[in-house]
Amino acid sequence: MVDTHATTGQAAIRIPSDAGELGDALIPLLSRSSSVGRVTLQCGTGWYGLLIELDAKIASICPGYVIDQVKEKFGTLRFYISPPSVSLLPCCADMTIKQERARDDNEEAGIAFLLERHQAGEEHAEALRITRDYIQMFEDGQDAIYEIIREYEILSGKCCEECGEPGVLSDNGGWYRTLCPECAEG
C-alpha cells in the first residue's frame, strides 16, 4: 500500500500508493506525525478527500496540531489528534510528557529550562516559542476543532469509503462499512 516517499524537511513521509492524484494534497496531513511514528491512513481511499478538507480546517485554527491516528471504526471515520508538543522538536525528543507538563505553568521558565538543558541558541528558543504559541492556539480553539472532527466523522457515514461517492452505512454480519451500491456489490 505504500510506495512513494516525500520529504517535508524533517523526515520522509509515505504517501499511500493508492492516493492517486490526491497524493500531493495528503502531504500536509501525513507530515503531522506524533512522536509515536508516521501518520498512516487506516481507511479507504474514498475518504482521502474528506481527510484533506478536515486537515485544512483544523490547521486554520492550529497549524501545529498533531495527528495520533486516522482509521475507520464501525463504518465511520475516526480522527485522533493532540496539541503540539515541544517534545516533537528534534532536540527535545527525549523529553517525557511528564517533564513537559511539569513546567507548563510557566512558559518562559519552560523555554529557559529547555534552552539550558540543551545549551541551545536563539534559533531553538524561537522554535520553542512557536510551538508554545501553537499549543495556545490548540487550547483556544479546542471546542471548534473537536466540532469539526465530529462533523467529518458524520460526513464519512454518508461517503463511500472505497470510492468517495455517496454511500450508506450498513451492517454486514457485524462488519460495518459505508459504501455506495456499486462498491457494496463488488
Protein backbone atom coordinates (compact mmCIF):
# COMPACT_ATOMS: atom_id res chain seq x y z
CA MET A 1 0.00 0.00 0.00
CA VAL A 2 2.93 2.35 0.49
CA ASP A 3 5.25 3.23 -2.36
CA THR A 4 6.01 6.88 -2.69
CA HIS A 5 8.16 8.93 -0.31
CA ALA A 6 8.08 12.68 0.13
CA THR A 7 10.50 14.78 2.13
CA THR A 8 8.98 17.55 4.23
CA GLY A 9 12.20 18.96 5.63
CA GLN A 10 12.16 16.80 8.77
CA ALA A 11 11.67 13.16 7.91
CA ALA A 12 10.44 11.16 4.97
CA ILE A 13 6.71 10.55 4.90
CA ARG A 14 4.95 7.84 2.97
CA ILE A 15 2.22 8.66 0.52
CA PRO A 16 -0.15 5.71 0.11
CA SER A 17 0.30 4.14 -3.32
CA ASP A 18 -3.48 4.24 -3.84
CA ALA A 19 -3.66 8.03 -3.27
CA GLY A 20 -3.51 8.80 -6.99
CA GLU A 21 -4.00 12.48 -7.79
CA LEU A 22 -4.62 13.24 -4.09
CA GLY A 23 -1.07 12.20 -3.12
CA ASP A 24 0.40 15.69 -3.05
CA ALA A 25 -2.64 17.09 -1.24
CA LEU A 26 -2.15 14.46 1.51
CA ILE A 27 1.42 15.59 2.31
CA PRO A 28 0.44 18.25 4.92
CA LEU A 29 -1.78 15.72 6.71
CA LEU A 30 0.81 12.94 6.57
CA SER A 31 3.51 15.25 7.95
CA ARG A 32 1.63 15.83 11.23
CA SER A 33 3.02 12.74 12.93
CA SER A 34 3.34 12.32 16.67
CA SER A 35 6.46 11.07 18.37
CA VAL A 36 4.92 7.59 18.11
CA GLY A 37 5.66 7.41 14.38
CA ARG A 38 4.34 8.21 10.95
CA VAL A 39 0.74 9.05 10.21
CA THR A 40 -0.88 6.10 8.49
CA LEU A 41 -4.32 6.22 6.93
CA GLN A 42 -6.21 3.16 8.11
CA CYS A 43 -9.22 3.79 5.91
CA GLY A 44 -10.24 3.53 2.27
CA THR A 45 -9.22 5.97 -0.45
CA GLY A 46 -12.77 7.28 -0.74
CA TRP A 47 -12.26 9.25 2.47
CA TYR A 48 -8.96 10.85 1.44
CA GLY A 49 -10.79 13.94 0.15
CA LEU A 50 -12.63 14.29 3.46
CA LEU A 51 -9.33 13.96 5.32
CA ILE A 52 -7.69 16.69 3.22
CA GLU A 53 -10.60 19.07 3.94
CA LEU A 54 -10.62 18.14 7.63
CA ASP A 55 -6.88 18.75 7.95
CA ALA A 56 -7.14 22.16 6.27
CA LYS A 57 -9.95 23.27 8.59
CA ILE A 58 -8.13 22.19 11.75
CA ALA A 59 -4.84 23.69 10.51
CA SER A 60 -6.59 27.04 10.02
CA ILE A 61 -7.23 27.04 13.79
CA CYS A 62 -3.98 25.43 14.93
CA PRO A 63 -1.29 24.94 12.26
CA GLY A 64 0.89 22.81 14.53
CA TYR A 65 -1.63 20.20 15.66
CA VAL A 66 -0.50 16.55 15.74
CA ILE A 67 -2.31 13.51 14.33
CA ASP A 68 -2.21 10.44 16.54
CA GLN A 69 -4.39 8.09 14.47
CA VAL A 70 -6.67 8.03 11.42
CA LYS A 71 -8.88 4.99 10.96
CA GLU A 72 -12.26 3.52 10.14
CA LYS A 73 -14.26 2.19 13.08
CA PHE A 74 -17.83 0.90 12.93
CA GLY A 75 -18.09 2.18 9.36
CA THR A 76 -17.17 5.80 10.01
CA LEU A 77 -14.00 7.87 10.25
CA ARG A 78 -12.07 8.28 13.49
CA PHE A 79 -9.56 11.12 13.66
CA TYR A 80 -7.49 11.34 16.85
CA ILE A 81 -5.29 14.37 17.43
CA SER A 82 -3.20 16.07 20.11
CA PRO A 83 -1.92 19.56 20.73
CA PRO A 84 1.59 20.31 19.50
CA SER A 85 4.39 19.31 21.84
CA VAL A 86 7.89 20.65 22.34
CA SER A 87 8.95 17.02 22.68
CA LEU A 88 8.39 16.73 18.90
CA LEU A 89 11.25 19.14 18.25
CA PRO A 90 14.32 17.04 17.34
CA CYS A 91 16.45 18.27 20.25
CA CYS A 92 13.63 17.67 22.76
CA ALA A 93 12.60 14.24 21.53
CA ASP A 94 13.78 12.54 24.70
CA MET A 95 11.69 14.79 26.94
CA THR A 96 8.83 12.95 28.56
CA ILE A 97 5.28 14.26 28.60
CA LYS A 98 5.53 14.39 32.39
CA GLN A 99 8.57 16.70 32.21
CA GLU A 100 6.82 18.90 29.68
CA ARG A 101 3.63 19.20 31.73
CA ALA A 102 5.59 19.85 34.94
CA ARG A 103 6.80 23.18 33.56
CA ASP A 104 3.66 24.11 31.59
CA ASP A 105 2.52 26.56 34.27
CA ASN A 106 5.31 28.96 33.38
CA GLU A 107 6.03 29.16 29.66
CA GLU A 108 9.14 31.32 29.90
CA ALA A 109 10.58 29.13 32.66
CA GLY A 110 9.85 26.11 30.47
CA ILE A 111 11.66 27.62 27.50
CA ALA A 112 14.57 28.63 29.74
CA PHE A 113 14.67 25.08 31.12
CA LEU A 114 14.89 23.60 27.63
CA LEU A 115 17.50 26.09 26.46
CA GLU A 116 19.64 25.36 29.48
CA ARG A 117 19.08 21.62 29.15
CA HIS A 118 20.16 21.58 25.51
CA GLN A 119 22.50 24.57 25.60
CA ALA A 120 20.68 25.75 22.52
CA GLY A 121 20.77 29.15 20.91
CA GLU A 122 18.19 31.73 19.88
CA GLU A 123 17.07 29.68 16.86
CA HIS A 124 15.97 26.91 19.20
CA ALA A 125 14.26 29.42 21.50
CA GLU A 126 12.22 30.68 18.55
CA ALA A 127 11.14 27.13 17.64
CA LEU A 128 10.08 26.59 21.25
CA ARG A 129 8.10 29.86 21.31
CA ILE A 130 6.33 28.96 18.06
CA THR A 131 5.44 25.54 19.46
CA ARG A 132 4.11 27.13 22.65
CA ASP A 133 2.03 29.53 20.51
CA TYR A 134 0.58 26.53 18.65
CA ILE A 135 -0.27 24.88 21.95
CA GLN A 136 -2.16 28.02 22.98
CA MET A 137 -3.96 28.12 19.61
CA PHE A 138 -5.00 24.50 20.11
CA GLU A 139 -6.29 25.19 23.61
CA ASP A 140 -8.16 28.32 22.50
CA GLY A 141 -9.73 26.55 19.51
CA GLN A 142 -10.27 23.15 21.07
CA ASP A 143 -14.09 23.26 21.04
CA ALA A 144 -14.16 24.32 17.38
CA ILE A 145 -11.54 21.70 16.46
CA TYR A 146 -13.48 18.83 18.00
CA GLU A 147 -16.73 20.07 16.47
CA ILE A 148 -15.07 19.96 13.04
CA ILE A 149 -13.87 16.42 13.71
CA ARG A 150 -17.38 15.35 14.74
CA GLU A 151 -18.77 16.95 11.56
CA TYR A 152 -16.38 14.95 9.37
CA GLU A 153 -17.00 11.72 11.26
CA ILE A 154 -20.71 12.19 10.47
CA LEU A 155 -19.94 13.06 6.82
CA SER A 156 -17.92 9.87 6.48
CA GLY A 157 -21.08 7.90 7.25
CA LYS A 158 -22.56 9.27 4.02
CA CYS A 159 -19.47 8.88 1.81
CA CYS A 160 -18.30 5.59 0.32
CA GLU A 161 -15.04 4.65 1.99
CA GLU A 162 -13.80 2.97 -1.20
CA CYS A 163 -14.61 5.49 -3.95
CA GLY A 164 -15.87 8.71 -2.31
CA GLU A 165 -19.31 8.62 -3.94
CA PRO A 166 -22.45 8.97 -1.77
CA GLY A 167 -22.71 5.92 0.44
CA VAL A 168 -24.79 4.29 3.14
CA LEU A 169 -23.67 2.91 6.47
CA SER A 170 -24.63 -0.75 6.55
CA ASP A 171 -24.14 -3.79 8.74
CA ASN A 172 -22.87 -6.92 7.04
CA GLY A 173 -22.93 -9.55 9.78
CA GLY A 174 -21.43 -7.23 12.41
CA TRP A 175 -18.95 -5.65 9.99
CA TYR A 176 -19.99 -2.01 9.47
CA ARG A 177 -18.98 -0.20 6.30
CA THR A 178 -20.08 2.91 4.49
CA LEU A 179 -20.28 2.05 0.82
CA CYS A 180 -22.05 3.12 -2.35
CA PRO A 181 -24.27 0.49 -4.03
CA GLU A 182 -21.59 -0.31 -6.63
CA CYS A 183 -18.78 -0.88 -4.09
CA ALA A 184 -21.15 -2.83 -1.83
CA GLU A 185 -21.75 -5.30 -4.67
CA GLY A 186 -18.10 -5.66 -5.60
